[in-house]
Amino acid sequence: LIDAEGSIRFAGEALEQLSGKQLRPLRKRLQVVFQDPFGSLSPRLCVEQIIAEGLQVHSDLNAAEREQAVIDVLREVGLDPATRHRYPHEFSGGQRQRIAIARALVLKPELILLDEPTSALDRTVQKQIVALLRRLQEEHGLTYLFISHDLAVVRALAHDLIVMKEGEVLERGETGKLFSSAQHPYTQELLAASNVEARLAQIL
């Protein structure tokens, strides 16, 4: 990964100077869902192994308890637990992204970083994943750090918004207010170039 510049803080703690060993206890609290649901899942592991891997590292659960946790989280993301012995290539793109979400969720994190989690999916599946993320956030009180170029998905999921260009923060604020009265010309251009309301109707 590219080295970070500047301060990275979580719950008041600076992370940028911590070693791998020091970061390890924090990893359970911080999880990530990547853009490509196929590339982010190991083809050599079945779904149960993929989801349970974090539990093996970050919990004291025995094998039976880990299996039950996998079953529970698969149900929570809308997948049949009976499929847990299958491999990623046997699932659709939307199902693979649900597996990736389950892998993050099973550790009961406080923050999930979502890196363009719907961009590789068709619009019907996007709607399902957005609904799933909204429900999980409400049920678990999760904080999402959601990265996306799709303004409609941003509008559907984000409470607060930061607009960036080439690593520079141009504008930030409450999402509804920013969408209705953007101040920076770049933000105004983005909104003018995207049909947010029509797209929003498709995914909500």
C-alpha atoms as a PDB file:
ATOM      1  CA  LEU A   1       0.000   0.000   0.000  1.00  0.00           C
ATOM      2  CA  ILE A   2       1.069   3.585  -0.581  1.00  0.00           C
ATOM      3  CA  ASP A   3       2.339   5.243   2.599  1.00  0.00           C
ATOM      4  CA  ALA A   4      -0.117   7.700   4.085  1.00  0.00           C
ATOM      5  CA  GLU A   5       0.617  11.386   4.499  1.00  0.00           C
ATOM      6  CA  GLY A   6      -0.959  13.303   7.341  1.00  0.00           C
ATOM      7  CA  SER A   7      -2.853  12.147  10.397  1.00  0.00           C
ATOM      8  CA  ILE A   8      -5.056   9.042  10.574  1.00  0.00           C
ATOM      9  CA  ARG A   9      -7.093   8.888  13.768  1.00  0.00           C
ATOM     10  CA  PHE A  10      -9.691   6.422  15.034  1.00  0.00           C
ATOM     11  CA  ALA A  11     -11.605   7.000  18.276  1.00  0.00           C
ATOM     12  CA  GLY A  12      -9.060   9.672  19.178  1.00  0.00           C
ATOM     13  CA  GLU A  13      -6.042   7.413  18.622  1.00  0.00           C
ATOM     14  CA  ALA A  14      -3.365   8.188  16.031  1.00  0.00           C
ATOM     15  CA  LEU A  15      -2.832   5.146  13.796  1.00  0.00           C
ATOM     16  CA  GLU A  16      -0.177   6.237  11.340  1.00  0.00           C
ATOM     17  CA  GLN A  17       2.782   5.478  13.624  1.00  0.00           C
ATOM     18  CA  LEU A  18       1.548   2.138  14.964  1.00  0.00           C
ATOM     19  CA  SER A  19       3.361  -1.067  14.040  1.00  0.00           C
ATOM     20  CA  GLY A  20       1.585  -4.112  12.641  1.00  0.00           C
ATOM     21  CA  LYS A  21       1.601  -5.690  16.082  1.00  0.00           C
ATOM     22  CA  GLN A  22       0.134  -2.556  17.658  1.00  0.00           C
ATOM     23  CA  LEU A  23      -2.541  -2.340  14.963  1.00  0.00           C
ATOM     24  CA  ARG A  24      -3.660  -5.928  15.366  1.00  0.00           C
ATOM     25  CA  PRO A  25      -6.066  -5.346  18.311  1.00  0.00           C
ATOM     26  CA  LEU A  26      -7.702  -2.549  16.294  1.00  0.00           C
ATOM     27  CA  ARG A  27      -8.354  -4.694  13.218  1.00  0.00           C
ATOM     28  CA  LYS A  28     -11.408  -6.305  14.778  1.00  0.00           C
ATOM     29  CA  ARG A  29     -12.937  -2.826  15.198  1.00  0.00           C
ATOM     30  CA  LEU A  30     -12.020  -1.693  11.663  1.00  0.00           C
ATOM     31  CA  GLN A  31     -13.103  -3.731   8.658  1.00  0.00           C
ATOM     32  CA  VAL A  32     -13.197  -3.152   4.899  1.00  0.00           C
ATOM     33  CA  VAL A  33     -15.361  -4.175   1.940  1.00  0.00           C
ATOM     34  CA  PHE A  34     -13.547  -3.823  -1.375  1.00  0.00           C
ATOM     35  CA  GLN A  35     -14.787  -2.744  -4.801  1.00  0.00           C
ATOM     36  CA  ASP A  36     -14.306  -6.035  -6.629  1.00  0.00           C
ATOM     37  CA  PRO A  37     -16.177  -8.824  -4.840  1.00  0.00           C
ATOM     38  CA  PHE A  38     -14.424 -11.495  -6.886  1.00  0.00           C
ATOM     39  CA  GLY A  39     -10.868 -10.243  -6.527  1.00  0.00           C
ATOM     40  CA  SER A  40     -11.205  -9.687  -2.782  1.00  0.00           C
ATOM     41  CA  LEU A  41     -12.249 -13.292  -2.001  1.00  0.00           C
ATOM     42  CA  SER A  42      -9.681 -16.096  -2.074  1.00  0.00           C
ATOM     43  CA  PRO A  43     -10.624 -18.664  -4.739  1.00  0.00           C
ATOM     44  CA  ARG A  44      -8.895 -21.368  -2.694  1.00  0.00           C
ATOM     45  CA  LEU A  45     -11.129 -20.992   0.360  1.00  0.00           C
ATOM     46  CA  CYS A  46     -14.784 -21.880   0.704  1.00  0.00           C
ATOM     47  CA  VAL A  47     -17.209 -19.267   2.009  1.00  0.00           C
ATOM     48  CA  GLU A  48     -17.139 -20.616   5.555  1.00  0.00           C
ATOM     49  CA  GLN A  49     -13.330 -20.420   5.651  1.00  0.00           C
ATOM     50  CA  ILE A  50     -13.348 -16.894   4.196  1.00  0.00           C
ATOM     51  CA  ILE A  51     -15.797 -15.563   6.773  1.00  0.00           C
ATOM     52  CA  ALA A  52     -14.363 -17.483   9.729  1.00  0.00           C
ATOM     53  CA  GLU A  53     -10.757 -16.460   9.068  1.00  0.00           C
ATOM     54  CA  GLY A  54     -11.077 -13.238  11.074  1.00  0.00           C
ATOM     55  CA  LEU A  55     -12.739 -15.088  13.943  1.00  0.00           C
ATOM     56  CA  GLN A  56      -9.800 -17.486  14.140  1.00  0.00           C
ATOM     57  CA  VAL A  57      -7.453 -14.532  14.581  1.00  0.00           C
ATOM     58  CA  HIS A  58      -9.548 -12.154  16.667  1.00  0.00           C
ATOM     59  CA  SER A  59     -11.786 -14.325  18.853  1.00  0.00           C
ATOM     60  CA  ASP A  60     -11.632 -17.186  21.343  1.00  0.00           C
ATOM     61  CA  LEU A  61     -14.517 -19.073  19.727  1.00  0.00           C
ATOM     62  CA  ASN A  62     -14.137 -22.803  19.199  1.00  0.00           C
ATOM     63  CA  ALA A  63     -14.784 -24.451  15.819  1.00  0.00           C
ATOM     64  CA  ALA A  64     -18.489 -25.083  16.491  1.00  0.00           C
ATOM     65  CA  GLU A  65     -19.029 -21.515  17.703  1.00  0.00           C
ATOM     66  CA  ARG A  66     -17.224 -20.115  14.649  1.00  0.00           C
ATOM     67  CA  GLU A  67     -19.395 -22.210  12.362  1.00  0.00           C
ATOM     68  CA  GLN A  68     -22.536 -20.935  14.083  1.00  0.00           C
ATOM     69  CA  ALA A  69     -21.314 -17.346  13.774  1.00  0.00           C
ATOM     70  CA  VAL A  70     -20.800 -17.903  10.035  1.00  0.00           C
ATOM     71  CA  ILE A  71     -24.302 -19.373   9.705  1.00  0.00           C
ATOM     72  CA  ASP A  72     -25.819 -16.432  11.578  1.00  0.00           C
ATOM     73  CA  VAL A  73     -24.035 -13.748   9.558  1.00  0.00           C
ATOM     74  CA  LEU A  74     -24.866 -15.420   6.231  1.00  0.00           C
ATOM     75  CA  ARG A  75     -28.542 -15.301   7.170  1.00  0.00           C
ATOM     76  CA  GLU A  76     -28.106 -11.660   8.143  1.00  0.00           C
ATOM     77  CA  VAL A  77     -26.785 -10.698   4.709  1.00  0.00           C
ATOM     78  CA  GLY A  78     -29.475 -12.688   2.907  1.00  0.00           C
ATOM     79  CA  LEU A  79     -27.548 -15.823   1.889  1.00  0.00           C
ATOM     80  CA  ASP A  80     -28.463 -19.456   2.499  1.00  0.00           C
ATOM     81  CA  PRO A  81     -26.091 -20.873   5.162  1.00  0.00           C
ATOM     82  CA  ALA A  82     -26.199 -24.206   3.320  1.00  0.00           C
ATOM     83  CA  THR A  83     -24.027 -22.596   0.617  1.00  0.00           C
ATOM     84  CA  ARG A  84     -21.155 -21.964   3.048  1.00  0.00           C
ATOM     85  CA  HIS A  85     -19.136 -24.905   1.717  1.00  0.00           C
ATOM     86  CA  ARG A  86     -19.136 -23.544  -1.829  1.00  0.00           C
ATOM     87  CA  TYR A  87     -16.386 -21.435  -3.402  1.00  0.00           C
ATOM     88  CA  PRO A  88     -16.577 -17.804  -4.608  1.00  0.00           C
ATOM     89  CA  HIS A  89     -16.739 -18.697  -8.325  1.00  0.00           C
ATOM     90  CA  GLU A  90     -20.041 -20.500  -7.678  1.00  0.00           C
ATOM     91  CA  PHE A  91     -21.775 -17.239  -6.723  1.00  0.00           C
ATOM     92  CA  SER A  92     -23.004 -14.205  -8.634  1.00  0.00           C
ATOM     93  CA  GLY A  93     -21.364 -10.789  -8.223  1.00  0.00           C
ATOM     94  CA  GLY A  94     -24.055  -9.589  -5.855  1.00  0.00           C
ATOM     95  CA  GLN A  95     -23.805 -12.750  -3.767  1.00  0.00           C
ATOM     96  CA  ARG A  96     -20.026 -12.412  -3.592  1.00  0.00           C
ATOM     97  CA  GLN A  97     -20.390  -8.863  -2.321  1.00  0.00           C
ATOM     98  CA  ARG A  98     -22.778 -10.142   0.360  1.00  0.00           C
ATOM     99  CA  ILE A  99     -20.071 -12.650   1.350  1.00  0.00           C
ATOM    100  CA  ALA A 100     -17.539  -9.810   1.582  1.00  0.00           C
ATOM    101  CA  ILE A 101     -19.955  -7.832   3.756  1.00  0.00           C
ATOM    102  CA  ALA A 102     -20.508 -10.898   5.945  1.00  0.00           C
ATOM    103  CA  ARG A 103     -16.736 -11.312   6.354  1.00  0.00           C
ATOM    104  CA  ALA A 104     -16.506  -7.742   7.654  1.00  0.00           C
ATOM    105  CA  LEU A 105     -19.670  -7.919   9.748  1.00  0.00           C
ATOM    106  CA  VAL A 106     -18.893 -11.185  11.564  1.00  0.00           C
ATOM    107  CA  LEU A 107     -16.282  -9.441  13.728  1.00  0.00           C
ATOM    108  CA  LYS A 108     -18.874  -6.886  14.895  1.00  0.00           C
ATOM    109  CA  PRO A 109     -16.725  -3.868  13.938  1.00  0.00           C
ATOM    110  CA  GLU A 110     -17.382  -0.261  14.842  1.00  0.00           C
ATOM    111  CA  LEU A 111     -16.298   1.087  11.455  1.00  0.00           C
ATOM    112  CA  ILE A 112     -16.524  -0.464   7.990  1.00  0.00           C
ATOM    113  CA  LEU A 113     -14.636   1.121   5.104  1.00  0.00           C
ATOM    114  CA  LEU A 114     -16.660   0.591   1.927  1.00  0.00           C
ATOM    115  CA  ASP A 115     -14.554   1.182  -1.180  1.00  0.00           C
ATOM    116  CA  GLU A 116     -16.914   1.555  -4.162  1.00  0.00           C
ATOM    117  CA  PRO A 117     -18.841  -1.559  -3.014  1.00  0.00           C
ATOM    118  CA  THR A 118     -21.595  -1.247  -5.618  1.00  0.00           C
ATOM    119  CA  SER A 119     -19.710  -0.026  -8.706  1.00  0.00           C
ATOM    120  CA  ALA A 120     -19.016  -3.519 -10.080  1.00  0.00           C
ATOM    121  CA  LEU A 121     -22.679  -4.556  -9.797  1.00  0.00           C
ATOM    122  CA  ASP A 122     -25.612  -4.061 -12.149  1.00  0.00           C
ATOM    123  CA  ARG A 123     -28.286  -1.627 -11.069  1.00  0.00           C
ATOM    124  CA  THR A 124     -30.797  -4.190  -9.824  1.00  0.00           C
ATOM    125  CA  VAL A 125     -28.175  -5.724  -7.557  1.00  0.00           C
ATOM    126  CA  GLN A 126     -26.952  -2.260  -6.526  1.00  0.00           C
ATOM    127  CA  LYS A 127     -30.415  -1.555  -5.141  1.00  0.00           C
ATOM    128  CA  GLN A 128     -30.329  -4.752  -3.084  1.00  0.00           C
ATOM    129  CA  ILE A 129     -26.857  -4.053  -1.675  1.00  0.00           C
ATOM    130  CA  VAL A 130     -27.734  -0.439  -0.800  1.00  0.00           C
ATOM    131  CA  ALA A 131     -30.848  -1.661   1.047  1.00  0.00           C
ATOM    132  CA  LEU A 132     -28.742  -4.270   2.868  1.00  0.00           C
ATOM    133  CA  LEU A 133     -26.109  -1.721   3.918  1.00  0.00           C
ATOM    134  CA  ARG A 134     -28.775   0.696   5.170  1.00  0.00           C
ATOM    135  CA  ARG A 135     -30.462  -2.045   7.214  1.00  0.00           C
ATOM    136  CA  LEU A 136     -27.215  -3.314   8.719  1.00  0.00           C
ATOM    137  CA  GLN A 137     -26.155   0.207   9.646  1.00  0.00           C
ATOM    138  CA  GLU A 138     -29.434   0.821  11.440  1.00  0.00           C
ATOM    139  CA  GLU A 139     -29.512  -2.546  13.223  1.00  0.00           C
ATOM    140  CA  HIS A 140     -25.885  -2.508  14.384  1.00  0.00           C
ATOM    141  CA  GLY A 141     -25.270   1.212  14.797  1.00  0.00           C
ATOM    142  CA  LEU A 142     -22.379   0.957  12.334  1.00  0.00           C
ATOM    143  CA  THR A 143     -20.259   3.788  11.055  1.00  0.00           C
ATOM    144  CA  TYR A 144     -19.439   3.568   7.352  1.00  0.00           C
ATOM    145  CA  LEU A 145     -16.617   5.372   5.606  1.00  0.00           C
ATOM    146  CA  PHE A 146     -18.081   5.121   2.119  1.00  0.00           C
ATOM    147  CA  ILE A 147     -16.000   5.944  -0.967  1.00  0.00           C
ATOM    148  CA  SER A 148     -17.828   6.336  -4.273  1.00  0.00           C
ATOM    149  CA  HIS A 149     -18.113   8.269  -7.523  1.00  0.00           C
ATOM    150  CA  ASP A 150     -21.814   7.390  -7.818  1.00  0.00           C
ATOM    151  CA  LEU A 151     -23.586  10.414  -6.360  1.00  0.00           C
ATOM    152  CA  ALA A 152     -26.948   8.657  -6.142  1.00  0.00           C
ATOM    153  CA  VAL A 153     -25.488   5.891  -3.977  1.00  0.00           C
ATOM    154  CA  VAL A 154     -23.707   8.526  -1.887  1.00  0.00           C
ATOM    155  CA  ARG A 155     -27.011  10.378  -1.446  1.00  0.00           C
ATOM    156  CA  ALA A 156     -28.753   7.137  -0.411  1.00  0.00           C
ATOM    157  CA  LEU A 157     -26.167   6.099   2.182  1.00  0.00           C
ATOM    158  CA  ALA A 158     -24.194   9.054   3.506  1.00  0.00           C
ATOM    159  CA  HIS A 159     -25.179  11.351   6.357  1.00  0.00           C
ATOM    160  CA  ASP A 160     -22.091  13.548   6.011  1.00  0.00           C
ATOM    161  CA  LEU A 161     -20.113  14.149   2.840  1.00  0.00           C
ATOM    162  CA  ILE A 162     -16.583  15.144   1.892  1.00  0.00           C
ATOM    163  CA  VAL A 163     -15.919  16.095  -1.738  1.00  0.00           C
ATOM    164  CA  MET A 164     -12.322  15.469  -2.822  1.00  0.00           C
ATOM    165  CA  LYS A 165     -10.305  16.042  -5.964  1.00  0.00           C
ATOM    166  CA  GLU A 166      -6.727  14.813  -6.403  1.00  0.00           C
ATOM    167  CA  GLY A 167      -6.388  14.225  -2.661  1.00  0.00           C
ATOM    168  CA  GLU A 168      -7.610  17.675  -1.648  1.00  0.00           C
ATOM    169  CA  VAL A 169     -10.789  18.278   0.365  1.00  0.00           C
ATOM    170  CA  LEU A 170     -12.862  20.826  -1.557  1.00  0.00           C
ATOM    171  CA  GLU A 171     -16.101  20.817   0.413  1.00  0.00           C
ATOM    172  CA  ARG A 172     -17.683  19.043   3.353  1.00  0.00           C
ATOM    173  CA  GLY A 173     -20.995  19.089   5.181  1.00  0.00           C
ATOM    174  CA  GLU A 174     -24.307  17.368   5.859  1.00  0.00           C
ATOM    175  CA  THR A 175     -25.231  15.412   2.734  1.00  0.00           C
ATOM    176  CA  GLY A 176     -28.713  16.840   2.162  1.00  0.00           C
ATOM    177  CA  LYS A 177     -27.538  20.427   2.521  1.00  0.00           C
ATOM    178  CA  LEU A 178     -24.514  19.894   0.319  1.00  0.00           C
ATOM    179  CA  PHE A 179     -26.617  18.323  -2.447  1.00  0.00           C
ATOM    180  CA  SER A 180     -29.131  21.172  -2.315  1.00  0.00           C
ATOM    181  CA  SER A 181     -26.682  24.076  -2.002  1.00  0.00           C
ATOM    182  CA  ALA A 182     -23.164  23.064  -3.027  1.00  0.00           C
ATOM    183  CA  GLN A 183     -20.694  25.928  -2.758  1.00  0.00           C
ATOM    184  CA  HIS A 184     -17.606  24.724  -4.612  1.00  0.00           C
ATOM    185  CA  PRO A 185     -17.698  24.899  -8.438  1.00  0.00           C
ATOM    186  CA  TYR A 186     -16.344  21.339  -8.720  1.00  0.00           C
ATOM    187  CA  THR A 187     -19.182  19.971  -6.574  1.00  0.00           C
ATOM    188  CA  GLN A 188     -21.675  21.987  -8.591  1.00  0.00           C
ATOM    189  CA  GLU A 189     -20.259  20.522 -11.800  1.00  0.00           C
ATOM    190  CA  LEU A 190     -20.496  16.985 -10.443  1.00  0.00           C
ATOM    191  CA  LEU A 191     -24.123  17.464  -9.456  1.00  0.00           C
ATOM    192  CA  ALA A 192     -25.010  19.115 -12.770  1.00  0.00           C
ATOM    193  CA  ALA A 193     -23.446  16.235 -14.713  1.00  0.00           C
ATOM    194  CA  SER A 194     -25.285  13.494 -12.800  1.00  0.00           C
ATOM    195  CA  ASN A 195     -28.964  12.681 -12.814  1.00  0.00           C
ATOM    196  CA  VAL A 196     -29.085  12.052  -9.062  1.00  0.00           C
ATOM    197  CA  GLU A 197     -32.836  12.107  -8.515  1.00  0.00           C
ATOM    198  CA  ALA A 198     -33.586   9.660 -11.316  1.00  0.00           C
ATOM    199  CA  ARG A 199     -30.793   7.321 -10.188  1.00  0.00           C
ATOM    200  CA  LEU A 200     -31.895   7.636  -6.571  1.00  0.00           C
ATOM    201  CA  ALA A 201     -35.344   6.410  -7.534  1.00  0.00           C
ATOM    202  CA  GLN A 202     -33.741   3.330  -9.085  1.00  0.00           C
ATOM    203  CA  ILE A 203     -31.796   2.305  -5.985  1.00  0.00           C
ATOM    204  CA  LEU A 204     -34.212   3.155  -3.178  1.00  0.00           C
END
